[in-house]
């Protein structure tokens, strides 16, 4: 996995969140999880109506978003393609010319810290970046727990306000040997509580391939 600094994960949330509000009904469909993506050294599943692509496919993803009328979001994907291992979005919401729930996957290799140490440093730094930018960030829930294929997954639920737009963020960090994978879902704050179950379900399918 190419090294991508997690320290920039907060920046990715800041850049994309203004484009990703209003969670769609399809996000709340926990069963069946039918859309499977196999990416660079990982695989996972998402609810129906979601689409996306791995690092090498991001230009095609951006083209699809432009075709759906989501030009601003398409531009943000291209601007951040060096940081992203995967970008996914609710295609049903995108096709309606509305704001779109999405996910990003980033990562960092050869991390000399335990998961809990890394999580503490990361969110301290993220909070400082939000404050300096004049944005609001509130951590609602944070824990390390077993999920899916892994005994320890950092699961953090956040609320953020960026230029008057409020969104909910579910961020999961998985450590595999010394590598870290960061999966971030963002959706409209009002729909976030009903969407979180679907996000958790997707993380339970996440598997790092040897």
Protein backbone atom coordinates (compact mmCIF):
# COMPACT_ATOMS: atom_id res chain seq x y z
CA UNK A 1 0.00 0.00 0.00
CA UNK A 2 1.43 3.40 -0.94
CA UNK A 3 2.12 5.69 1.99
CA UNK A 4 -0.57 8.33 2.42
CA UNK A 5 -0.36 10.35 5.62
CA UNK A 6 -3.42 10.06 7.85
CA UNK A 7 -2.62 13.54 9.10
CA UNK A 8 -4.34 14.72 5.89
CA UNK A 9 -7.53 12.74 6.47
CA UNK A 10 -9.11 15.68 8.27
CA UNK A 11 -8.32 17.86 5.27
CA UNK A 12 -10.10 15.41 2.98
CA UNK A 13 -13.19 15.63 5.18
CA UNK A 14 -13.03 19.42 5.11
CA UNK A 15 -12.71 19.58 1.34
CA UNK A 16 -15.41 17.07 0.48
CA UNK A 17 -17.94 17.60 3.24
CA UNK A 18 -19.43 20.76 1.77
CA UNK A 19 -20.44 18.67 -1.21
CA UNK A 20 -21.82 15.64 0.65
CA UNK A 21 -24.99 16.26 2.56
CA UNK A 22 -28.48 14.74 2.57
CA UNK A 23 -28.18 10.99 3.11
CA UNK A 24 -30.21 8.94 0.64
CA UNK A 25 -32.68 6.15 1.33
CA UNK A 26 -30.43 3.60 -0.30
CA UNK A 27 -27.77 4.21 2.37
CA UNK A 28 -30.16 2.94 5.02
CA UNK A 29 -30.65 -0.41 3.28
CA UNK A 30 -28.59 -2.72 5.44
CA UNK A 31 -29.67 -5.95 3.73
CA UNK A 32 -28.73 -7.09 1.23
CA UNK A 33 -25.27 -5.67 0.75
CA UNK A 34 -24.89 -6.40 -2.92
CA UNK A 35 -22.33 -4.05 -4.48
CA UNK A 36 -18.80 -5.34 -4.02
CA UNK A 37 -15.65 -3.44 -4.82
CA UNK A 38 -12.25 -5.13 -4.97
CA UNK A 39 -9.49 -2.56 -4.74
CA UNK A 40 -5.79 -2.31 -4.20
CA UNK A 41 -5.08 -4.80 -1.41
CA UNK A 42 -8.59 -4.66 0.05
CA UNK A 43 -12.18 -5.57 -0.63
CA UNK A 44 -15.50 -4.53 0.88
CA UNK A 45 -19.19 -4.23 0.11
CA UNK A 46 -21.62 -1.32 0.08
CA UNK A 47 -25.40 -0.92 -0.06
CA UNK A 48 -27.10 -1.02 -3.43
CA UNK A 49 -27.06 2.20 -5.49
CA UNK A 50 -23.53 3.09 -4.44
CA UNK A 51 -20.70 3.35 -6.96
CA UNK A 52 -17.04 4.26 -6.86
CA UNK A 53 -13.54 3.30 -7.80
CA UNK A 54 -10.00 2.67 -6.61
CA UNK A 55 -7.02 5.00 -6.97
CA UNK A 56 -6.46 4.07 -10.62
CA UNK A 57 -10.13 4.60 -11.44
CA UNK A 58 -10.69 8.02 -9.88
CA UNK A 59 -10.64 9.93 -13.17
CA UNK A 60 -13.43 7.68 -14.47
CA UNK A 61 -15.35 8.21 -11.21
CA UNK A 62 -14.98 11.97 -11.66
CA UNK A 63 -16.25 11.70 -15.24
CA UNK A 64 -19.30 9.79 -14.01
CA UNK A 65 -19.98 12.46 -11.39
CA UNK A 66 -19.74 15.19 -14.02
CA UNK A 67 -22.19 13.31 -16.23
CA UNK A 68 -24.59 13.24 -13.26
CA UNK A 69 -24.29 16.99 -12.81
CA UNK A 70 -21.99 16.78 -9.77
CA UNK A 71 -19.20 18.91 -11.25
CA UNK A 72 -18.00 20.41 -7.98
CA UNK A 73 -17.68 17.01 -6.32
CA UNK A 74 -15.95 15.63 -9.42
CA UNK A 75 -13.39 18.43 -9.20
CA UNK A 76 -12.72 17.69 -5.52
CA UNK A 77 -12.09 14.02 -6.32
CA UNK A 78 -9.50 14.95 -8.95
CA UNK A 79 -7.86 17.50 -6.65
CA UNK A 80 -7.42 14.85 -3.95
CA UNK A 81 -6.69 11.79 -6.09
CA UNK A 82 -3.12 11.53 -4.80
CA UNK A 83 -4.47 11.01 -1.29
CA UNK A 84 -7.32 8.62 -2.06
CA UNK A 85 -7.13 4.84 -2.29
CA UNK A 86 -10.87 4.71 -2.98
CA UNK A 87 -13.79 7.09 -3.44
CA UNK A 88 -17.43 6.00 -3.35
CA UNK A 89 -20.74 7.82 -3.53
CA UNK A 90 -24.50 7.34 -3.47
CA UNK A 91 -25.26 7.29 -7.18
CA UNK A 92 -29.03 7.50 -6.70
CA UNK A 93 -28.73 10.82 -4.86
CA UNK A 94 -26.17 12.05 -7.39
CA UNK A 95 -28.50 11.32 -10.30
CA UNK A 96 -31.17 13.51 -8.70
CA UNK A 97 -28.81 16.49 -8.78
CA UNK A 98 -28.82 16.60 -5.00
CA UNK A 99 -26.08 16.56 -2.40
CA UNK A 100 -24.39 13.20 -2.07
CA UNK A 101 -23.30 10.94 0.80
CA UNK A 102 -19.83 9.56 0.13
CA UNK A 103 -16.87 7.64 1.47
CA UNK A 104 -13.12 7.94 1.17
CA UNK A 105 -10.40 5.41 1.93
CA UNK A 106 -6.88 6.58 2.72
CA UNK A 107 -3.99 4.97 4.55
CA UNK A 108 -0.53 5.11 6.00
CA UNK A 109 2.24 2.53 5.90
CA UNK A 110 4.89 1.56 8.45
CA UNK A 111 3.33 3.31 11.45
CA UNK A 112 5.47 2.89 14.62
CA UNK A 113 2.51 3.36 16.98
CA UNK A 114 -0.26 1.26 18.44
CA UNK A 115 -3.78 1.89 17.16
CA UNK A 116 -4.93 3.76 20.27
CA UNK A 117 -1.79 5.95 20.31
CA UNK A 118 -2.26 6.80 16.66
CA UNK A 119 -5.95 7.60 17.13
CA UNK A 120 -5.22 9.98 20.03
CA UNK A 121 -2.60 11.92 18.06
CA UNK A 122 -4.70 12.03 14.91
CA UNK A 123 -7.85 13.52 16.42
CA UNK A 124 -5.91 16.02 18.50
CA UNK A 125 -4.30 17.24 15.28
CA UNK A 126 -7.60 17.19 13.39
CA UNK A 127 -9.32 19.29 16.05
CA UNK A 128 -6.54 21.88 15.81
CA UNK A 129 -6.89 22.04 12.02
CA UNK A 130 -10.65 22.61 12.26
CA UNK A 131 -10.22 25.33 14.87
CA UNK A 132 -7.59 27.16 12.81
CA UNK A 133 -9.88 26.96 9.77
CA UNK A 134 -12.78 28.43 11.71
CA UNK A 135 -14.88 25.25 11.45
CA UNK A 136 -16.64 23.30 14.20
CA UNK A 137 -15.83 19.68 15.01
CA UNK A 138 -17.43 17.65 17.77
CA UNK A 139 -16.52 14.06 18.59
CA UNK A 140 -19.78 12.37 19.56
CA UNK A 141 -18.51 8.84 20.17
CA UNK A 142 -15.10 7.18 20.03
CA UNK A 143 -14.12 3.62 20.81
CA UNK A 144 -11.94 0.72 19.72
CA UNK A 145 -13.95 -2.47 19.28
CA UNK A 146 -14.12 -5.69 17.25
CA UNK A 147 -15.83 -5.29 13.87
CA UNK A 148 -16.08 -7.80 11.05
CA UNK A 149 -12.72 -9.38 10.30
CA UNK A 150 -10.77 -7.41 12.91
CA UNK A 151 -10.50 -7.52 16.69
CA UNK A 152 -9.61 -3.84 16.96
CA UNK A 153 -11.23 -1.12 14.85
CA UNK A 154 -11.22 2.53 15.83
CA UNK A 155 -14.78 3.84 15.30
CA UNK A 156 -15.28 7.59 15.69
CA UNK A 157 -18.54 9.47 15.09
CA UNK A 158 -18.23 13.20 14.54
CA UNK A 159 -20.40 16.21 13.79
CA UNK A 160 -18.93 19.08 11.81
CA UNK A 161 -20.10 22.46 10.61
CA UNK A 162 -18.35 23.94 7.59
CA UNK A 163 -19.54 27.31 6.34
CA UNK A 164 -23.01 26.67 7.77
CA UNK A 165 -23.33 23.14 6.38
CA UNK A 166 -23.69 20.49 9.11
CA UNK A 167 -22.70 16.91 8.36
CA UNK A 168 -22.13 13.66 10.22
CA UNK A 169 -18.92 11.69 9.81
CA UNK A 170 -18.22 8.06 10.66
CA UNK A 171 -14.50 7.31 10.53
CA UNK A 172 -13.00 3.85 10.98
CA UNK A 173 -9.29 3.05 11.33
CA UNK A 174 -8.01 -0.50 10.91
CA UNK A 175 -4.43 -1.54 11.63
CA UNK A 176 -2.87 -4.45 9.76
CA UNK A 177 0.70 -5.13 10.89
CA UNK A 178 2.21 -1.62 10.68
CA UNK A 179 -0.20 -0.33 8.01
CA UNK A 180 -3.31 1.72 8.75
CA UNK A 181 -6.48 1.96 6.67
CA UNK A 182 -8.86 4.89 7.19
CA UNK A 183 -12.46 4.60 5.93
CA UNK A 184 -14.57 7.75 6.21
CA UNK A 185 -18.30 8.04 5.53
CA UNK A 186 -19.94 11.47 5.36
CA UNK A 187 -23.67 12.25 5.15
CA UNK A 188 -26.29 14.80 6.08
CA UNK A 189 -26.44 15.29 9.84
CA UNK A 190 -30.22 14.85 9.99
CA UNK A 191 -29.96 11.45 8.26
CA UNK A 192 -26.78 10.36 10.01
CA UNK A 193 -28.37 8.35 12.83
CA UNK A 194 -30.32 6.18 10.41
CA UNK A 195 -27.35 5.81 8.06
CA UNK A 196 -24.77 4.72 10.63
CA UNK A 197 -26.04 1.14 10.71
CA UNK A 198 -25.39 0.81 6.99
CA UNK A 199 -21.91 2.28 7.39
CA UNK A 200 -21.10 -0.20 10.17
CA UNK A 201 -22.37 -3.03 7.99
CA UNK A 202 -20.00 -2.02 5.21
CA UNK A 203 -17.03 -1.96 7.60
CA UNK A 204 -17.90 -5.47 8.75
CA UNK A 205 -17.26 -6.65 5.16
CA UNK A 206 -13.91 -4.86 4.86
CA UNK A 207 -11.01 -7.24 4.33
CA UNK A 208 -7.34 -6.50 3.69
CA UNK A 209 -5.96 -8.95 1.15
CA UNK A 210 -2.55 -10.56 1.53
